[in-house]
Amino acid sequence: MLRKFLIIGLPFLAPTIGYILYAYYTRKNREDIADGKALPPWRTWPWTNLIGGGALFAIIGLMGLAYFGDGGDRESDYAPARLEDGRIVPGGFQDAPKAD
């Protein structure tokens, strides 16, 4: 269930969540400027938000890949998909032969 949500639901909802966050922070900045508050420089730079968001998504993506990925063991070998008796046998990781 969680995997279906992460594969289907999260990419579907991500633009909406991003827009809501963007609208919240731009409204907050406008209100602070209207109240006469001096904003720190980083709150007026779009690059700070873009780089921070990109780093956050990269970290989330790498964590998801580590958690849900089928990496196999470090000593295992990858066997590509092959055709046997007219059937396609899917590829996957297999235990490496032991060297004596």
PDB file of N, CA and C in Angstrom:
ATOM      1  N   MET A   1       0.824  -1.193   0.000  1.00  0.00           N
ATOM      2  CA  MET A   1       0.000   0.000   0.000  1.00  0.00           C
ATOM      3  C   MET A   1       0.869   1.258   0.000  1.00  0.00           C
ATOM      4  N   LEU A   2       1.892   1.249   0.868  1.00  0.00           N
ATOM      5  CA  LEU A   2       2.799   2.396   0.923  1.00  0.00           C
ATOM      6  C   LEU A   2       3.535   2.553  -0.395  1.00  0.00           C
ATOM      7  N   ARG A   3       3.940   1.439  -0.983  1.00  0.00           N
ATOM      8  CA  ARG A   3       4.658   1.501  -2.256  1.00  0.00           C
ATOM      9  C   ARG A   3       3.772   2.078  -3.366  1.00  0.00           C
ATOM     10  N   LYS A   4       2.499   1.685  -3.393  1.00  0.00           N
ATOM     11  CA  LYS A   4       1.581   2.232  -4.396  1.00  0.00           C
ATOM     12  C   LYS A   4       1.406   3.734  -4.211  1.00  0.00           C
ATOM     13  N   PHE A   5       1.316   4.169  -2.945  1.00  0.00           N
ATOM     14  CA  PHE A   5       1.183   5.599  -2.688  1.00  0.00           C
ATOM     15  C   PHE A   5       2.426   6.345  -3.154  1.00  0.00           C
ATOM     16  N   LEU A   6       3.612   5.804  -2.851  1.00  0.00           N
ATOM     17  CA  LEU A   6       4.846   6.480  -3.235  1.00  0.00           C
ATOM     18  C   LEU A   6       5.056   6.500  -4.739  1.00  0.00           C
ATOM     19  N   ILE A   7       4.604   5.465  -5.432  1.00  0.00           N
ATOM     20  CA  ILE A   7       4.803   5.397  -6.882  1.00  0.00           C
ATOM     21  C   ILE A   7       3.729   6.167  -7.636  1.00  0.00           C
ATOM     22  N   ILE A   8       2.490   6.120  -7.176  1.00  0.00           N
ATOM     23  CA  ILE A   8       1.380   6.748  -7.906  1.00  0.00           C
ATOM     24  C   ILE A   8       0.916   8.035  -7.239  1.00  0.00           C
ATOM     25  N   GLY A   9       0.632   7.973  -5.952  1.00  0.00           N
ATOM     26  CA  GLY A   9       0.023   9.108  -5.261  1.00  0.00           C
ATOM     27  C   GLY A   9       0.944  10.292  -5.066  1.00  0.00           C
ATOM     28  N   LEU A  10       2.174  10.039  -4.638  1.00  0.00           N
ATOM     29  CA  LEU A  10       3.095  11.142  -4.359  1.00  0.00           C
ATOM     30  C   LEU A  10       3.444  11.948  -5.609  1.00  0.00           C
ATOM     31  N   PRO A  11       3.783  11.328  -6.742  1.00  0.00           N
ATOM     32  CA  PRO A  11       4.030  12.148  -7.934  1.00  0.00           C
ATOM     33  C   PRO A  11       2.788  12.924  -8.390  1.00  0.00           C
ATOM     34  N   PHE A  12       1.618  12.375  -8.124  1.00  0.00           N
ATOM     35  CA  PHE A  12       0.388  13.066  -8.486  1.00  0.00           C
ATOM     36  C   PHE A  12       0.152  14.285  -7.592  1.00  0.00           C
ATOM     37  N   LEU A  13       0.459  14.154  -6.300  1.00  0.00           N
ATOM     38  CA  LEU A  13       0.209  15.232  -5.348  1.00  0.00           C
ATOM     39  C   LEU A  13       1.365  16.225  -5.213  1.00  0.00           C
ATOM     40  N   ALA A  14       2.566  15.868  -5.654  1.00  0.00           N
ATOM     41  CA  ALA A  14       3.748  16.711  -5.458  1.00  0.00           C
ATOM     42  C   ALA A  14       3.590  18.117  -6.032  1.00  0.00           C
ATOM     43  N   PRO A  15       3.075  18.310  -7.257  1.00  0.00           N
ATOM     44  CA  PRO A  15       2.923  19.679  -7.757  1.00  0.00           C
ATOM     45  C   PRO A  15       1.963  20.519  -6.914  1.00  0.00           C
ATOM     46  N   THR A  16       0.898  19.921  -6.447  1.00  0.00           N
ATOM     47  CA  THR A  16      -0.054  20.651  -5.612  1.00  0.00           C
ATOM     48  C   THR A  16       0.574  21.043  -4.283  1.00  0.00           C
ATOM     49  N   ILE A  17       1.291  20.116  -3.677  1.00  0.00           N
ATOM     50  CA  ILE A  17       1.964  20.418  -2.416  1.00  0.00           C
ATOM     51  C   ILE A  17       3.003  21.514  -2.627  1.00  0.00           C
ATOM     52  N   GLY A  18       3.752  21.433  -3.714  1.00  0.00           N
ATOM     53  CA  GLY A  18       4.741  22.469  -4.024  1.00  0.00           C
ATOM     54  C   GLY A  18       4.105  23.832  -4.215  1.00  0.00           C
ATOM     55  N   TYR A  19       2.988  23.878  -4.912  1.00  0.00           N
ATOM     56  CA  TYR A  19       2.315  25.158  -5.124  1.00  0.00           C
ATOM     57  C   TYR A  19       1.788  25.734  -3.802  1.00  0.00           C
ATOM     58  N   ILE A  20       1.239  24.889  -2.955  1.00  0.00           N
ATOM     59  CA  ILE A  20       0.730  25.362  -1.667  1.00  0.00           C
ATOM     60  C   ILE A  20       1.865  25.950  -0.831  1.00  0.00           C
ATOM     61  N   LEU A  21       3.011  25.273  -0.792  1.00  0.00           N
ATOM     62  CA  LEU A  21       4.160  25.800  -0.058  1.00  0.00           C
ATOM     63  C   LEU A  21       4.648  27.117  -0.658  1.00  0.00           C
ATOM     64  N   TYR A  22       4.704  27.183  -1.989  1.00  0.00           N
ATOM     65  CA  TYR A  22       5.128  28.407  -2.660  1.00  0.00           C
ATOM     66  C   TYR A  22       4.175  29.562  -2.330  1.00  0.00           C
ATOM     67  N   ALA A  23       2.876  29.317  -2.403  1.00  0.00           N
ATOM     68  CA  ALA A  23       1.896  30.369  -2.125  1.00  0.00           C
ATOM     69  C   ALA A  23       1.988  30.814  -0.662  1.00  0.00           C
ATOM     70  N   TYR A  24       2.207  29.884   0.247  1.00  0.00           N
ATOM     71  CA  TYR A  24       2.314  30.233   1.665  1.00  0.00           C
ATOM     72  C   TYR A  24       3.513  31.155   1.910  1.00  0.00           C
ATOM     73  N   TYR A  25       4.667  30.772   1.387  1.00  0.00           N
ATOM     74  CA  TYR A  25       5.869  31.566   1.655  1.00  0.00           C
ATOM     75  C   TYR A  25       5.861  32.910   0.933  1.00  0.00           C
ATOM     76  N   THR A  26       5.327  32.980  -0.271  1.00  0.00           N
ATOM     77  CA  THR A  26       5.266  34.279  -0.943  1.00  0.00           C
ATOM     78  C   THR A  26       4.270  35.195  -0.231  1.00  0.00           C
ATOM     79  N   ARG A  27       3.154  34.652   0.246  1.00  0.00           N
ATOM     80  CA  ARG A  27       2.200  35.473   0.995  1.00  0.00           C
ATOM     81  C   ARG A  27       2.830  35.956   2.295  1.00  0.00           C
ATOM     82  N   LYS A  28       3.557  35.088   2.973  1.00  0.00           N
ATOM     83  CA  LYS A  28       4.231  35.471   4.212  1.00  0.00           C
ATOM     84  C   LYS A  28       5.257  36.573   3.956  1.00  0.00           C
ATOM     85  N   ASN A  29       6.015  36.472   2.876  1.00  0.00           N
ATOM     86  CA  ASN A  29       6.984  37.509   2.545  1.00  0.00           C
ATOM     87  C   ASN A  29       6.282  38.832   2.250  1.00  0.00           C
ATOM     88  N   ARG A  30       5.186  38.783   1.485  1.00  0.00           N
ATOM     89  CA  ARG A  30       4.448  40.018   1.172  1.00  0.00           C
ATOM     90  C   ARG A  30       3.877  40.663   2.436  1.00  0.00           C
ATOM     91  N   GLU A  31       3.354  39.847   3.346  1.00  0.00           N
ATOM     92  CA  GLU A  31       2.815  40.385   4.600  1.00  0.00           C
ATOM     93  C   GLU A  31       3.912  41.015   5.453  1.00  0.00           C
ATOM     94  N   ASP A  32       5.061  40.365   5.509  1.00  0.00           N
ATOM     95  CA  ASP A  32       6.169  40.920   6.285  1.00  0.00           C
ATOM     96  C   ASP A  32       6.668  42.241   5.686  1.00  0.00           C
ATOM     97  N   ILE A  33       6.724  42.319   4.364  1.00  0.00           N
ATOM     98  CA  ILE A  33       7.142  43.560   3.711  1.00  0.00           C
ATOM     99  C   ILE A  33       6.106  44.656   3.965  1.00  0.00           C
ATOM    100  N   ALA A  34       4.804  44.316   3.888  1.00  0.00           N
ATOM    101  CA  ALA A  34       3.748  45.304   4.132  1.00  0.00           C
ATOM    102  C   ALA A  34       3.763  45.796   5.578  1.00  0.00           C
ATOM    103  N   ASP A  35       4.165  44.935   6.513  1.00  0.00           N
ATOM    104  CA  ASP A  35       4.253  45.333   7.922  1.00  0.00           C
ATOM    105  C   ASP A  35       5.513  46.138   8.221  1.00  0.00           C
ATOM    106  N   GLY A  36       6.380  46.287   7.244  1.00  0.00           N
ATOM    107  CA  GLY A  36       7.597  47.068   7.420  1.00  0.00           C
ATOM    108  C   GLY A  36       8.751  46.284   8.003  1.00  0.00           C
ATOM    109  N   LYS A  37       8.632  44.971   8.063  1.00  0.00           N
ATOM    110  CA  LYS A  37       9.719  44.152   8.595  1.00  0.00           C
ATOM    111  C   LYS A  37      10.816  44.020   7.537  1.00  0.00           C
ATOM    112  N   ALA A  38      12.045  44.052   8.004  1.00  0.00           N
ATOM    113  CA  ALA A  38      13.172  43.845   7.101  1.00  0.00           C
ATOM    114  C   ALA A  38      13.398  42.343   6.947  1.00  0.00           C
ATOM    115  N   LEU A  39      13.344  41.893   5.720  1.00  0.00           N
ATOM    116  CA  LEU A  39      13.548  40.472   5.458  1.00  0.00           C
ATOM    117  C   LEU A  39      15.036  40.177   5.378  1.00  0.00           C
ATOM    118  N   PRO A  40      15.449  39.034   5.910  1.00  0.00           N
ATOM    119  CA  PRO A  40      16.844  38.640   5.703  1.00  0.00           C
ATOM    120  C   PRO A  40      17.076  38.386   4.209  1.00  0.00           C
ATOM    121  N   PRO A  41      18.282  38.587   3.739  1.00  0.00           N
ATOM    122  CA  PRO A  41      18.532  38.438   2.298  1.00  0.00           C
ATOM    123  C   PRO A  41      18.161  37.076   1.732  1.00  0.00           C
ATOM    124  N   TRP A  42      18.350  36.012   2.513  1.00  0.00           N
ATOM    125  CA  TRP A  42      18.075  34.681   1.970  1.00  0.00           C
ATOM    126  C   TRP A  42      16.594  34.460   1.681  1.00  0.00           C
ATOM    127  N   ARG A  43      15.710  35.234   2.316  1.00  0.00           N
ATOM    128  CA  ARG A  43      14.277  35.066   2.056  1.00  0.00           C
ATOM    129  C   ARG A  43      13.833  35.743   0.765  1.00  0.00           C
ATOM    130  N   THR A  44      14.681  36.577   0.204  1.00  0.00           N
ATOM    131  CA  THR A  44      14.337  37.227  -1.062  1.00  0.00           C
ATOM    132  C   THR A  44      15.022  36.558  -2.248  1.00  0.00           C
ATOM    133  N   TRP A  45      15.914  35.628  -2.007  1.00  0.00           N
ATOM    134  CA  TRP A  45      16.625  34.951  -3.092  1.00  0.00           C
ATOM    135  C   TRP A  45      15.863  33.700  -3.512  1.00  0.00           C
ATOM    136  N   PRO A  46      15.486  33.582  -4.769  1.00  0.00           N
ATOM    137  CA  PRO A  46      14.800  32.351  -5.193  1.00  0.00           C
ATOM    138  C   PRO A  46      15.740  31.151  -5.222  1.00  0.00           C
ATOM    139  N   TRP A  47      17.034  31.390  -5.377  1.00  0.00           N
ATOM    140  CA  TRP A  47      17.971  30.279  -5.465  1.00  0.00           C
ATOM    141  C   TRP A  47      18.063  29.495  -4.162  1.00  0.00           C
ATOM    142  N   THR A  48      17.890  30.174  -3.051  1.00  0.00           N
ATOM    143  CA  THR A  48      17.939  29.477  -1.767  1.00  0.00           C
ATOM    144  C   THR A  48      16.837  28.425  -1.702  1.00  0.00           C
ATOM    145  N   ASN A  49      15.641  28.811  -2.084  1.00  0.00           N
ATOM    146  CA  ASN A  49      14.518  27.865  -2.054  1.00  0.00           C
ATOM    147  C   ASN A  49      14.691  26.757  -3.086  1.00  0.00           C
ATOM    148  N   LEU A  50      15.187  27.108  -4.273  1.00  0.00           N
ATOM    149  CA  LEU A  50      15.359  26.103  -5.321  1.00  0.00           C
ATOM    150  C   LEU A  50      16.424  25.079  -4.952  1.00  0.00           C
ATOM    151  N   ILE A  51      17.544  25.551  -4.447  1.00  0.00           N
ATOM    152  CA  ILE A  51      18.624  24.633  -4.081  1.00  0.00           C
ATOM    153  C   ILE A  51      18.205  23.790  -2.873  1.00  0.00           C
ATOM    154  N   GLY A  52      17.574  24.420  -1.899  1.00  0.00           N
ATOM    155  CA  GLY A  52      17.109  23.667  -0.735  1.00  0.00           C
ATOM    156  C   GLY A  52      16.080  22.614  -1.109  1.00  0.00           C
ATOM    157  N   GLY A  53      15.130  22.978  -1.962  1.00  0.00           N
ATOM    158  CA  GLY A  53      14.124  22.011  -2.405  1.00  0.00           C
ATOM    159  C   GLY A  53      14.732  20.891  -3.220  1.00  0.00           C
ATOM    160  N   GLY A  54      15.665  21.232  -4.102  1.00  0.00           N
ATOM    161  CA  GLY A  54      16.340  20.206  -4.901  1.00  0.00           C
ATOM    162  C   GLY A  54      17.126  19.240  -4.040  1.00  0.00           C
ATOM    163  N   ALA A  55      17.828  19.774  -3.040  1.00  0.00           N
ATOM    164  CA  ALA A  55      18.586  18.910  -2.134  1.00  0.00           C
ATOM    165  C   ALA A  55      17.648  18.008  -1.335  1.00  0.00           C
ATOM    166  N   LEU A  56      16.537  18.562  -0.887  1.00  0.00           N
ATOM    167  CA  LEU A  56      15.571  17.765  -0.136  1.00  0.00           C
ATOM    168  C   LEU A  56      15.012  16.631  -0.988  1.00  0.00           C
ATOM    169  N   PHE A  57      14.624  16.933  -2.237  1.00  0.00           N
ATOM    170  CA  PHE A  57      14.102  15.882  -3.118  1.00  0.00           C
ATOM    171  C   PHE A  57      15.170  14.852  -3.471  1.00  0.00           C
ATOM    172  N   ALA A  58      16.428  15.279  -3.619  1.00  0.00           N
ATOM    173  CA  ALA A  58      17.507  14.328  -3.892  1.00  0.00           C
ATOM    174  C   ALA A  58      17.694  13.381  -2.712  1.00  0.00           C
ATOM    175  N   ILE A  59      17.656  13.916  -1.508  1.00  0.00           N
ATOM    176  CA  ILE A  59      17.807  13.075  -0.322  1.00  0.00           C
ATOM    177  C   ILE A  59      16.638  12.098  -0.207  1.00  0.00           C
ATOM    178  N   ILE A  60      15.430  12.584  -0.432  1.00  0.00           N
ATOM    179  CA  ILE A  60      14.251  11.706  -0.375  1.00  0.00           C
ATOM    180  C   ILE A  60      14.348  10.623  -1.440  1.00  0.00           C
ATOM    181  N   GLY A  61      14.783  10.989  -2.642  1.00  0.00           N
ATOM    182  CA  GLY A  61      14.922  10.009  -3.718  1.00  0.00           C
ATOM    183  C   GLY A  61      15.965   8.948  -3.417  1.00  0.00           C
ATOM    184  N   LEU A  62      17.107   9.370  -2.874  1.00  0.00           N
ATOM    185  CA  LEU A  62      18.145   8.403  -2.540  1.00  0.00           C
ATOM    186  C   LEU A  62      17.708   7.484  -1.400  1.00  0.00           C
ATOM    187  N   MET A  63      16.996   8.044  -0.427  1.00  0.00           N
ATOM    188  CA  MET A  63      16.501   7.206   0.667  1.00  0.00           C
ATOM    189  C   MET A  63      15.466   6.204   0.149  1.00  0.00           C
ATOM    190  N   GLY A  64      14.597   6.645  -0.744  1.00  0.00           N
ATOM    191  CA  GLY A  64      13.615   5.735  -1.325  1.00  0.00           C
ATOM    192  C   GLY A  64      14.265   4.646  -2.150  1.00  0.00           C
ATOM    193  N   LEU A  65      15.309   5.000  -2.903  1.00  0.00           N
ATOM    194  CA  LEU A  65      16.024   4.012  -3.691  1.00  0.00           C
ATOM    195  C   LEU A  65      16.713   2.994  -2.792  1.00  0.00           C
ATOM    196  N   ALA A  66      17.297   3.461  -1.702  1.00  0.00           N
ATOM    197  CA  ALA A  66      17.960   2.539  -0.773  1.00  0.00           C
ATOM    198  C   ALA A  66      16.945   1.641  -0.082  1.00  0.00           C
ATOM    199  N   TYR A  67      15.771   2.169   0.224  1.00  0.00           N
ATOM    200  CA  TYR A  67      14.772   1.397   0.956  1.00  0.00           C
ATOM    201  C   TYR A  67      14.010   0.432   0.048  1.00  0.00           C
ATOM    202  N   PHE A  68      13.588   0.912  -1.117  1.00  0.00           N
ATOM    203  CA  PHE A  68      12.748   0.104  -1.991  1.00  0.00           C
ATOM    204  C   PHE A  68      13.508  -0.567  -3.129  1.00  0.00           C
ATOM    205  N   GLY A  69      14.746  -0.171  -3.369  1.00  0.00           N
ATOM    206  CA  GLY A  69      15.507  -0.721  -4.483  1.00  0.00           C
ATOM    207  C   GLY A  69      15.846  -2.178  -4.282  1.00  0.00           C
ATOM    208  N   ASP A  70      16.019  -2.890  -5.379  1.00  0.00           N
ATOM    209  CA  ASP A  70      16.384  -4.301  -5.326  1.00  0.00           C
ATOM    210  C   ASP A  70      17.863  -4.402  -5.676  1.00  0.00           C
ATOM    211  N   GLY A  71      18.695  -3.979  -4.748  1.00  0.00           N
ATOM    212  CA  GLY A  71      20.116  -3.910  -5.000  1.00  0.00           C
ATOM    213  C   GLY A  71      20.845  -5.224  -4.852  1.00  0.00           C
ATOM    214  N   GLY A  72      20.288  -6.175  -4.155  1.00  0.00           N
ATOM    215  CA  GLY A  72      20.976  -7.436  -3.934  1.00  0.00           C
ATOM    216  C   GLY A  72      22.162  -7.251  -3.005  1.00  0.00           C
ATOM    217  N   ASP A  73      22.885  -8.327  -2.788  1.00  0.00           N
ATOM    218  CA  ASP A  73      24.079  -8.275  -1.952  1.00  0.00           C
ATOM    219  C   ASP A  73      25.242  -7.696  -2.740  1.00  0.00           C
ATOM    220  N   ARG A  74      26.268  -7.273  -2.024  1.00  0.00           N
ATOM    221  CA  ARG A  74      27.441  -6.717  -2.695  1.00  0.00           C
ATOM    222  C   ARG A  74      28.182  -7.785  -3.493  1.00  0.00           C
ATOM    223  N   GLU A  75      28.135  -9.009  -3.051  1.00  0.00           N
ATOM    224  CA  GLU A  75      28.852 -10.085  -3.732  1.00  0.00           C
ATOM    225  C   GLU A  75      28.012 -10.752  -4.822  1.00  0.00           C
ATOM    226  N   SER A  76      26.777 -10.341  -5.018  1.00  0.00           N
ATOM    227  CA  SER A  76      25.920 -10.994  -6.012  1.00  0.00           C
ATOM    228  C   SER A  76      26.178 -10.418  -7.403  1.00  0.00           C
ATOM    229  N   ASP A  77      25.859 -11.222  -8.407  1.00  0.00           N
ATOM    230  CA  ASP A  77      26.010 -10.823  -9.806  1.00  0.00           C
ATOM    231  C   ASP A  77      24.634 -10.621 -10.423  1.00  0.00           C
ATOM    232  N   TYR A  78      24.548  -9.685 -11.372  1.00  0.00           N
ATOM    233  CA  TYR A  78      23.287  -9.446 -12.060  1.00  0.00           C
ATOM    234  C   TYR A  78      23.225 -10.330 -13.295  1.00  0.00           C
ATOM    235  N   ALA A  79      22.141 -11.061 -13.443  1.00  0.00           N
ATOM    236  CA  ALA A  79      21.899 -11.880 -14.628  1.00  0.00           C
ATOM    237  C   ALA A  79      20.803 -11.191 -15.436  1.00  0.00           C
ATOM    238  N   PRO A  80      21.095 -10.769 -16.668  1.00  0.00           N
ATOM    239  CA  PRO A  80      20.083 -10.076 -17.462  1.00  0.00           C
ATOM    240  C   PRO A  80      18.950 -11.018 -17.875  1.00  0.00           C
ATOM    241  N   ALA A  81      17.862 -10.443 -18.339  1.00  0.00           N
ATOM    242  CA  ALA A  81      16.734 -11.249 -18.818  1.00  0.00           C
ATOM    243  C   ALA A  81      17.181 -12.084 -20.007  1.00  0.00           C
ATOM    244  N   ARG A  82      16.598 -13.274 -20.107  1.00  0.00           N
ATOM    245  CA  ARG A  82      16.999 -14.169 -21.186  1.00  0.00           C
ATOM    246  C   ARG A  82      15.785 -14.947 -21.686  1.00  0.00           C
ATOM    247  N   LEU A  83      15.965 -15.579 -22.838  1.00  0.00           N
ATOM    248  CA  LEU A  83      14.901 -16.362 -23.459  1.00  0.00           C
ATOM    249  C   LEU A  83      15.216 -17.845 -23.272  1.00  0.00           C
ATOM    250  N   GLU A  84      14.324 -18.569 -22.595  1.00  0.00           N
ATOM    251  CA  GLU A  84      14.484 -20.012 -22.392  1.00  0.00           C
ATOM    252  C   GLU A  84      13.215 -20.719 -22.823  1.00  0.00           C
ATOM    253  N   ASP A  85      13.332 -21.624 -23.763  1.00  0.00           N
ATOM    254  CA  ASP A  85      12.199 -22.421 -24.245  1.00  0.00           C
ATOM    255  C   ASP A  85      11.028 -21.547 -24.673  1.00  0.00           C
ATOM    256  N   GLY A  86      11.297 -20.448 -25.322  1.00  0.00           N
ATOM    257  CA  GLY A  86      10.241 -19.566 -25.807  1.00  0.00           C
ATOM    258  C   GLY A  86       9.637 -18.668 -24.739  1.00  0.00           C
ATOM    259  N   ARG A  87      10.157 -18.696 -23.526  1.00  0.00           N
ATOM    260  CA  ARG A  87       9.666 -17.827 -22.451  1.00  0.00           C
ATOM    261  C   ARG A  87      10.760 -16.835 -22.081  1.00  0.00           C
ATOM    262  N   ILE A  88      10.334 -15.645 -21.673  1.00  0.00           N
ATOM    263  CA  ILE A  88      11.280 -14.646 -21.192  1.00  0.00           C
ATOM    264  C   ILE A  88      11.434 -14.839 -19.694  1.00  0.00           C
ATOM    265  N   VAL A  89      12.658 -15.107 -19.277  1.00  0.00           N
ATOM    266  CA  VAL A  89      12.970 -15.253 -17.860  1.00  0.00           C
ATOM    267  C   VAL A  89      13.511 -13.895 -17.394  1.00  0.00           C
ATOM    268  N   PRO A  90      12.868 -13.283 -16.410  1.00  0.00           N
ATOM    269  CA  PRO A  90      13.307 -11.953 -15.992  1.00  0.00           C
ATOM    270  C   PRO A  90      14.697 -11.994 -15.359  1.00  0.00           C
ATOM    271  N   GLY A  91      15.383 -10.894 -15.478  1.00  0.00           N
ATOM    272  CA  GLY A  91      16.707 -10.787 -14.883  1.00  0.00           C
ATOM    273  C   GLY A  91      16.633 -10.584 -13.394  1.00  0.00           C
ATOM    274  N   GLY A  92      17.753 -10.676 -12.746  1.00  0.00           N
ATOM    275  CA  GLY A  92      17.788 -10.462 -11.306  1.00  0.00           C
ATOM    276  C   GLY A  92      19.183 -10.732 -10.763  1.00  0.00           C
ATOM    277  N   PHE A  93      19.319 -10.604  -9.469  1.00  0.00           N
ATOM    278  CA  PHE A  93      20.606 -10.828  -8.817  1.00  0.00           C
ATOM    279  C   PHE A  93      20.725 -12.277  -8.380  1.00  0.00           C
ATOM    280  N   GLN A  94      21.904 -12.840  -8.615  1.00  0.00           N
ATOM    281  CA  GLN A  94      22.176 -14.208  -8.231  1.00  0.00           C
ATOM    282  C   GLN A  94      23.442 -14.231  -7.391  1.00  0.00           C
ATOM    283  N   ASP A  95      23.537 -15.241  -6.534  1.00  0.00           N
ATOM    284  CA  ASP A  95      24.740 -15.374  -5.710  1.00  0.00           C
ATOM    285  C   ASP A  95      25.922 -15.632  -6.618  1.00  0.00           C
ATOM    286  N   ALA A  96      27.028 -14.958  -6.330  1.00  0.00           N
ATOM    287  CA  ALA A  96      28.232 -15.125  -7.124  1.00  0.00           C
ATOM    288  C   ALA A  96      28.863 -16.485  -6.812  1.00  0.00           C
ATOM    289  N   PRO A  97      29.477 -17.106  -7.804  1.00  0.00           N
ATOM    290  CA  PRO A  97      30.139 -18.368  -7.518  1.00  0.00           C
ATOM    291  C   PRO A  97      31.318 -18.126  -6.580  1.00  0.00           C
ATOM    292  N   LYS A  98      31.505 -19.044  -5.662  1.00  0.00           N
ATOM    293  CA  LYS A  98      32.581 -18.903  -4.678  1.00  0.00           C
ATOM    294  C   LYS A  98      33.905 -19.298  -5.307  1.00  0.00           C
ATOM    295  N   ALA A  99      34.870 -18.428  -5.172  1.00  0.00           N
ATOM    296  CA  ALA A  99      36.220 -18.714  -5.667  1.00  0.00           C
ATOM    297  C   ALA A  99      37.034 -19.344  -4.548  1.00  0.00           C
ATOM    298  N   ASP A 100      37.631 -20.488  -4.843  1.00  0.00           N
ATOM    299  CA  ASP A 100      38.425 -21.173  -3.806  1.00  0.00           C
ATOM    300  C   ASP A 100      39.883 -20.908  -4.001  1.00  0.00           C
TER     301      ASP A 100
END
